[in-house]
Protein backbone atom coordinates (compact mmCIF):
# COMPACT_ATOMS: atom_id res chain seq x y z
CA MET A 1 113.82 50.05 30.74
CA LYS A 2 111.27 48.14 28.76
CA ASN A 3 107.52 49.06 28.83
CA PRO A 4 105.61 46.34 30.65
CA SER A 5 102.65 46.66 28.28
CA THR A 6 104.77 45.76 25.32
CA PRO A 7 104.23 41.99 25.59
CA ILE A 8 100.48 42.57 25.94
CA MET A 9 100.27 44.79 22.98
CA THR A 10 102.29 42.29 21.05
CA SER A 11 99.73 39.63 21.88
CA VAL A 12 96.84 41.86 20.89
CA ARG A 13 98.45 42.58 17.58
CA ALA A 14 98.95 38.92 16.98
CA LEU A 15 95.31 38.18 17.71
CA ASN A 16 94.13 40.95 15.42
CA SER A 17 96.32 39.56 12.70
CA ILE A 18 94.86 36.12 13.16
CA PHE A 19 91.26 37.51 13.21
CA ARG A 20 91.83 39.47 10.03
CA SER A 21 93.18 36.43 8.31
CA ASN A 22 89.97 34.38 9.32
CA VAL A 23 87.26 36.98 8.57
CA ALA A 24 86.36 35.49 5.17
CA PRO A 25 85.78 31.92 6.44
CA ILE A 26 83.75 33.24 9.35
CA ARG A 27 81.57 35.30 7.03
CA ALA A 28 81.09 32.33 4.74
CA VAL A 29 80.05 30.14 7.67
CA SER A 30 77.66 32.85 8.91
CA SER A 31 76.12 33.26 5.42
CA PHE A 32 75.73 29.47 5.04
CA ARG A 33 74.13 29.25 8.41
CA SER A 34 71.60 31.99 7.49
CA SER A 35 70.77 30.23 4.21
CA LEU A 36 70.35 26.91 5.97
CA LEU A 37 68.00 28.49 8.52
CA LEU A 38 65.89 30.08 5.78
CA ALA A 39 65.67 26.79 3.84
CA SER A 40 64.57 24.92 6.91
CA LYS A 41 61.69 27.35 7.30
CA LEU A 42 60.57 27.01 3.70
CA TRP A 43 60.95 23.21 3.28
CA VAL A 44 58.05 20.95 4.39
CA PRO A 45 58.45 17.15 4.39
CA ALA A 46 56.23 15.13 1.98
CA GLU A 47 54.67 13.15 4.82
CA ALA A 48 53.59 16.35 6.52
CA THR A 49 52.05 17.63 3.28
CA ALA A 50 50.04 14.43 2.82
CA ALA A 51 48.85 14.50 6.39
CA GLN A 52 47.86 18.15 6.01
CA ASN A 53 45.84 17.34 2.86
CA GLN A 54 44.13 14.44 4.59
CA PHE A 55 43.44 16.24 7.85
CA PRO A 56 43.27 19.96 7.07
CA SER A 57 43.69 22.13 10.06
CA ILE A 58 41.04 24.61 11.11
CA SER A 59 43.50 27.50 10.67
CA SER A 60 43.93 26.65 6.97
CA SER A 61 40.20 27.10 6.20
CA PRO A 62 38.87 30.59 5.56
CA ASN A 63 37.27 32.38 8.45
CA ARG A 64 33.40 32.16 8.60
CA PRO A 65 30.76 33.04 11.21
CA PHE A 66 29.73 30.46 13.78
CA SER A 67 26.15 30.34 12.44
CA GLN A 68 27.56 28.76 9.24
CA SER A 69 29.85 26.31 10.96
CA SER A 70 29.21 22.56 10.82
CA VAL A 71 28.58 22.42 14.56
CA CYS A 72 25.86 25.06 14.41
CA GLN A 73 24.33 23.51 11.29
CA LYS A 74 24.06 20.15 13.07
CA LYS A 75 22.30 21.82 15.98
CA HIS A 76 19.80 23.53 13.66
CA LYS A 77 19.14 20.23 11.87
CA GLN A 78 18.51 18.44 15.15
CA VAL A 79 16.08 21.17 16.28
CA ASP A 80 14.20 20.99 12.95
CA GLU A 81 13.90 17.20 13.21
CA ASP A 82 12.60 17.49 16.77
CA ASP A 83 10.05 20.14 15.76
CA GLY A 84 9.01 18.10 12.74
CA GLY A 85 8.60 15.05 14.91
CA ARG A 86 6.44 16.96 17.36
CA ARG A 87 4.38 18.43 14.52
CA GLY A 88 4.06 14.98 13.00
CA LYS A 89 2.89 13.63 16.31
CA ARG A 90 0.39 16.43 16.62
CA ARG A 91 -0.85 15.83 13.08
CA GLY A 92 -0.88 12.12 13.76
CA GLY A 93 -2.80 12.74 16.95
CA VAL A 94 -5.37 14.86 15.13
CA ALA A 95 -5.72 12.23 12.41
CA GLU A 96 -6.06 9.53 15.02
CA GLU A 97 -8.74 11.56 16.78
CA GLU A 98 -10.60 12.03 13.48
CA VAL A 99 -10.47 8.29 12.82
CA LYS A 100 -11.75 7.60 16.31
CA SER A 101 -14.50 10.18 15.79
CA ASN A 102 -15.53 8.59 12.50
CA LYS A 103 -15.54 5.17 14.12
CA LYS A 104 -17.64 6.56 16.92
CA ASP A 105 -20.14 8.06 14.47
CA SER A 106 -20.36 4.85 12.45
CA SER A 107 -20.64 2.76 15.58
CA SER A 108 -23.38 5.04 16.91
CA SER A 109 -25.39 4.63 13.70
CA SER A 110 -24.79 0.90 13.62
CA SER A 111 -25.55 0.52 17.33
CA ILE A 112 -29.26 1.33 16.84
CA PRO A 113 -31.11 -1.74 18.14
CA ARG A 114 -33.00 -3.60 15.45
CA SER A 115 -35.43 -6.49 15.29
CA ALA A 116 -34.46 -10.08 14.68
CA ASP A 117 -34.78 -9.67 10.91
CA GLY A 118 -32.31 -6.75 11.08
CA ASP A 119 -34.74 -4.39 9.38
CA GLN A 120 -37.12 -2.75 11.85
CA PRO A 121 -35.56 -0.66 14.65
CA VAL A 122 -36.58 -1.34 18.23
CA PRO A 123 -36.87 1.22 21.07
CA SER A 124 -33.79 1.62 23.26
CA SER A 125 -33.62 2.95 26.82
CA GLU A 126 -30.24 4.50 26.00
CA ASN A 127 -32.00 6.93 23.66
CA PRO A 128 -35.65 6.97 24.74
CA PHE A 129 -36.59 9.98 22.56
CA ASP A 130 -35.58 8.18 19.36
CA PHE A 131 -38.82 7.15 17.61
CA ALA A 132 -37.20 5.44 14.62
CA ASP A 133 -39.19 2.29 15.35
CA ILE A 134 -42.50 4.15 15.22
CA THR A 135 -41.54 6.01 12.05
CA TYR A 136 -40.61 2.73 10.39
CA ALA A 137 -43.87 1.03 11.46
CA PHE A 138 -46.02 3.96 10.32
CA ASP A 139 -44.29 4.15 6.93
CA LYS A 140 -44.64 0.41 6.41
CA ALA A 141 -48.36 0.55 7.16
CA GLU A 142 -48.84 3.50 4.83
CA LYS A 143 -47.15 1.62 1.99
CA ARG A 144 -49.32 -1.44 2.51
CA TYR A 145 -52.73 0.25 2.75
CA SER A 146 -51.99 2.80 0.05
CA GLU A 147 -51.34 -0.08 -2.34
CA GLU A 148 -54.70 -1.64 -1.43
CA LEU A 149 -56.47 1.66 -2.08
CA ARG A 150 -54.66 2.04 -5.40
CA LYS A 151 -55.86 -1.38 -6.57
CA LEU A 152 -59.41 -0.60 -5.45
CA ARG A 153 -59.37 2.72 -7.24
CA SER A 154 -58.02 1.22 -10.48
CA GLY A 155 -60.93 -1.16 -11.00
CA GLY A 156 -62.54 -2.36 -7.84
CA ARG A 157 -61.68 -5.60 -6.16
CA PHE A 158 -61.79 -7.44 -9.48
CA ASN A 159 -58.96 -6.11 -11.62
CA ALA A 160 -56.00 -7.58 -13.47
CA GLU A 161 -53.69 -7.30 -10.44
CA VAL A 162 -56.15 -9.01 -8.09
CA ILE A 163 -56.86 -11.82 -10.53
CA GLY A 164 -53.15 -12.23 -11.31
CA ALA A 165 -52.35 -12.59 -7.60
CA ILE A 166 -54.51 -15.73 -7.15
CA PRO A 167 -52.22 -18.55 -5.90
CA VAL A 168 -52.14 -21.62 -8.17
CA THR A 169 -50.92 -25.06 -7.08
CA LEU A 170 -49.59 -27.25 -9.89
CA GLU A 171 -49.24 -30.49 -7.94
CA LYS A 172 -51.72 -32.30 -5.74
CA ASN A 173 -51.07 -32.11 -1.99
CA SER A 174 -48.26 -29.63 -2.59
CA HIS A 175 -47.65 -26.55 -0.45
CA ASN A 176 -45.83 -24.72 -3.25
CA SER A 177 -47.92 -22.24 -5.24
CA PHE A 178 -47.34 -19.67 -7.97
CA PRO A 179 -49.15 -16.40 -8.73
CA LEU A 180 -51.55 -16.78 -11.64
CA ARG A 181 -49.73 -14.00 -13.51
CA GLU A 182 -46.68 -16.31 -13.83
CA LEU A 183 -48.77 -18.98 -15.57
CA ALA A 184 -51.07 -16.86 -17.77
CA THR A 185 -51.88 -13.36 -18.97
CA VAL A 186 -54.98 -11.53 -17.67
CA ALA A 187 -56.82 -9.06 -19.90
CA PRO A 188 -60.28 -7.39 -19.82
CA LEU A 189 -62.76 -8.35 -22.56
CA GLY A 190 -65.18 -5.55 -21.78
CA GLY A 191 -67.89 -5.15 -19.19
CA ARG A 192 -67.54 -7.79 -16.49
CA ARG A 193 -65.77 -10.40 -18.66
CA TRP A 194 -62.03 -11.21 -18.28
CA SER A 195 -59.70 -13.41 -20.32
CA ILE A 196 -57.08 -15.72 -18.75
CA LEU A 197 -54.68 -17.04 -21.42
CA ALA A 198 -52.48 -19.85 -20.10
CA PHE A 199 -48.91 -20.31 -21.31
CA GLU A 200 -49.20 -24.12 -21.25
CA GLU A 201 -52.23 -26.37 -21.64
CA ASP A 202 -51.20 -28.51 -18.64
CA SER A 203 -51.77 -25.58 -16.28
CA VAL A 204 -55.32 -24.76 -17.48
CA LYS A 205 -57.06 -27.16 -15.08
CA HIS A 206 -54.96 -25.97 -12.14
CA ILE A 207 -55.89 -22.35 -12.91
CA GLN A 208 -59.59 -23.26 -13.03
CA ALA A 209 -59.37 -24.94 -9.62
CA ALA A 210 -57.45 -22.01 -8.09
CA VAL A 211 -60.04 -19.42 -9.22
CA GLN A 212 -62.87 -21.60 -7.94
CA ARG A 213 -61.20 -21.89 -4.51
CA SER A 214 -60.67 -18.13 -4.28
CA PRO A 215 -63.09 -16.51 -1.77
CA ASP A 216 -63.26 -13.32 -3.86
CA PHE A 217 -64.49 -15.06 -7.02
CA ASN A 218 -65.89 -18.46 -6.09
CA GLN A 219 -66.62 -19.47 -9.69
CA GLN A 220 -65.17 -21.80 -12.31
CA PRO A 221 -63.85 -20.06 -15.43
CA GLN A 222 -65.14 -21.48 -18.71
CA ARG A 223 -62.92 -22.70 -21.54
CA SER A 224 -62.99 -20.69 -24.74
CA GLU A 225 -64.41 -22.48 -27.77
CA ASP A 226 -61.81 -20.89 -30.04
CA ASN A 227 -58.65 -21.39 -27.94
CA PRO A 228 -58.02 -24.32 -25.57
CA LEU A 229 -55.47 -22.22 -23.62
CA GLU A 230 -57.98 -19.45 -22.85
CA LEU A 231 -60.40 -19.25 -19.92
CA ILE A 232 -63.28 -16.76 -19.68
CA MET A 233 -64.55 -15.53 -16.32
CA THR A 234 -67.27 -13.08 -15.35
CA VAL A 235 -66.80 -10.94 -12.27
CA GLU A 236 -69.44 -9.38 -10.08
CA LEU A 237 -70.27 -5.80 -10.92
CA GLU A 238 -69.61 -3.64 -7.86
CA ARG A 239 -71.64 -0.57 -7.11
CA ALA A 240 -69.94 2.72 -6.25
CA ASP A 241 -71.29 2.74 -2.72
CA SER A 242 -69.91 -0.78 -2.19
CA LEU A 243 -66.48 0.30 -3.43
CA SER A 244 -66.60 3.41 -1.24
CA LYS A 245 -67.45 1.30 1.78
CA HIS A 246 -64.58 -1.05 0.99
CA ALA A 247 -62.19 1.94 0.75
CA LYS A 248 -63.33 3.15 4.17
CA ASP A 249 -62.77 -0.32 5.60
CA ILE A 250 -59.19 -0.27 4.32
CA CYS A 251 -58.59 3.12 5.89
CA GLN A 252 -60.08 1.95 9.17
CA ASN A 253 -57.69 -1.00 9.23
CA TRP A 254 -54.91 1.50 8.59
CA ARG A 255 -55.96 3.57 11.62
CA ASN A 256 -56.13 0.48 13.81
CA LYS A 257 -52.58 -0.43 12.80
CA ILE A 258 -51.35 3.03 13.78
CA ARG A 259 -53.05 2.80 17.18
CA ASP A 260 -51.61 -0.65 17.81
CA GLU A 261 -48.05 0.51 17.09
CA ALA A 262 -48.49 3.58 19.33
CA HIS A 263 -49.92 1.43 22.14
CA LYS A 264 -46.93 -0.94 21.99
CA ARG A 265 -44.51 1.99 22.23
CA GLU A 266 -46.35 3.49 25.21
CA ALA A 267 -46.14 0.12 26.99
CA VAL A 268 -42.36 0.31 26.57
CA HIS A 269 -42.36 3.80 28.12
CA LYS A 270 -44.21 2.53 31.18
CA LYS A 271 -41.71 -0.31 31.58
CA TRP A 272 -38.84 2.18 31.47
CA MET A 273 -40.59 4.20 34.12
CA SER A 274 -41.05 1.17 36.39
CA ASP A 275 -37.39 0.23 35.89
CA LYS A 276 -36.41 3.82 36.81
CA VAL A 277 -34.67 4.30 33.49
CA ILE A 278 -36.62 7.52 32.91
CA VAL A 279 -38.29 9.99 35.27
CA LYS A 280 -41.89 11.19 35.32
CA ASP A 281 -41.08 14.31 33.35
CA ASP A 282 -39.53 12.16 30.59
CA LEU A 283 -42.64 10.00 30.50
CA PHE A 284 -44.79 13.08 29.95
CA LYS A 285 -42.55 14.34 27.11
CA LEU A 286 -42.53 10.92 25.46
CA ARG A 287 -46.32 10.76 25.60
CA GLU A 288 -46.61 14.18 23.98
CA LYS A 289 -44.22 13.32 21.18
CA MET A 290 -45.94 9.98 20.56
CA LYS A 291 -49.31 11.70 20.35
CA LYS A 292 -48.01 14.20 17.81
CA LEU A 293 -46.61 11.45 15.56
CA GLN A 294 -49.88 9.54 15.77
CA ASP A 295 -52.03 12.59 15.01
CA ASP A 296 -49.90 13.52 12.00
CA LYS A 297 -50.28 10.04 10.53
CA MET A 298 -54.05 10.02 11.18
CA LYS A 299 -54.32 13.20 9.11
CA VAL A 300 -52.60 11.38 6.24
CA VAL A 301 -55.12 8.51 6.47
CA LEU A 302 -58.09 10.89 6.49
CA ALA A 303 -56.82 12.78 3.45
CA LYS A 304 -56.24 9.53 1.54
CA GLU A 305 -59.73 8.25 2.44
CA LYS A 306 -61.39 11.41 1.17
CA GLU A 307 -59.36 11.32 -2.04
CA VAL A 308 -60.18 7.69 -2.92
CA THR A 309 -63.90 7.85 -2.09
CA ALA A 310 -64.26 11.04 -4.11
CA GLN A 311 -62.63 9.41 -7.13
CA ILE A 312 -64.87 6.33 -6.84
CA MET A 313 -68.04 8.39 -6.72
CA ALA A 314 -66.86 10.63 -9.53
CA LYS A 315 -66.14 7.56 -11.69
CA ALA A 316 -69.60 6.15 -10.97
CA GLY A 317 -71.20 9.52 -11.78
CA HIS A 318 -69.65 9.45 -15.24
CA GLY A 319 -70.96 5.93 -15.80
CA VAL A 320 -67.48 4.43 -16.06
């Protein structure tokens, strides 16, 4: 009796024989497959390489902290620009305020009211305690009367400056005149005699007529026998007491000018009071300040009067 497993075993043996005979090709195929898989991992197409060079991926760059990344750097740059803009605006605002302040200061100095000639200040109700107008008027008067005293002290009323200031008219019925000093030289000859030397002979007659019309001299100069261009005039000899009296008259005119200017300013104060621009207390303070300015200037006049009269008397005492 045959074993029923014999045909099965026979089949198994046949299969094993076939498998053994195909082991080498199978191994070759398996080895080729492994090599192909490894090559596919290592090989990168050229297009992919170019794209990677043109657009590098973030993973290819070395790792760095976020504070050094381009995104964070852009944020820091934006913040700095904003801060700089704000600081620039603040600096610009300060500069603009300084410019406005300078304009305000210049406008405040240029806004002082002045007279029609643009020289003398005038009182303003916007700043009632500003006495620039009074200071200007007092200084102008002091300059004028001090010059008159200086001329008187240098040689009395009849000196080279007084003679040289005589107006001379060169044409008949003309309103244009020239100071004598522009037409001739004036020099003392000693004592009471003075020499007037004309630059041109045509002006000699006009100079004679001008001196004769002058209320201070009222005389006709005589021609020199040696020089037709020269005129000789004799002035009145003034006594020391006469000169002293004349100096006091000048100082008195000076005082009157100061009082007149103070009176005009006080009239302005009263008008402000009636217009209710200032109150009664302001009027009292303005009066006190005005009085102080006037008293100070009167002291200057008194000192100048004493100085000039003393010099005149001292000069007369020495027989000069």
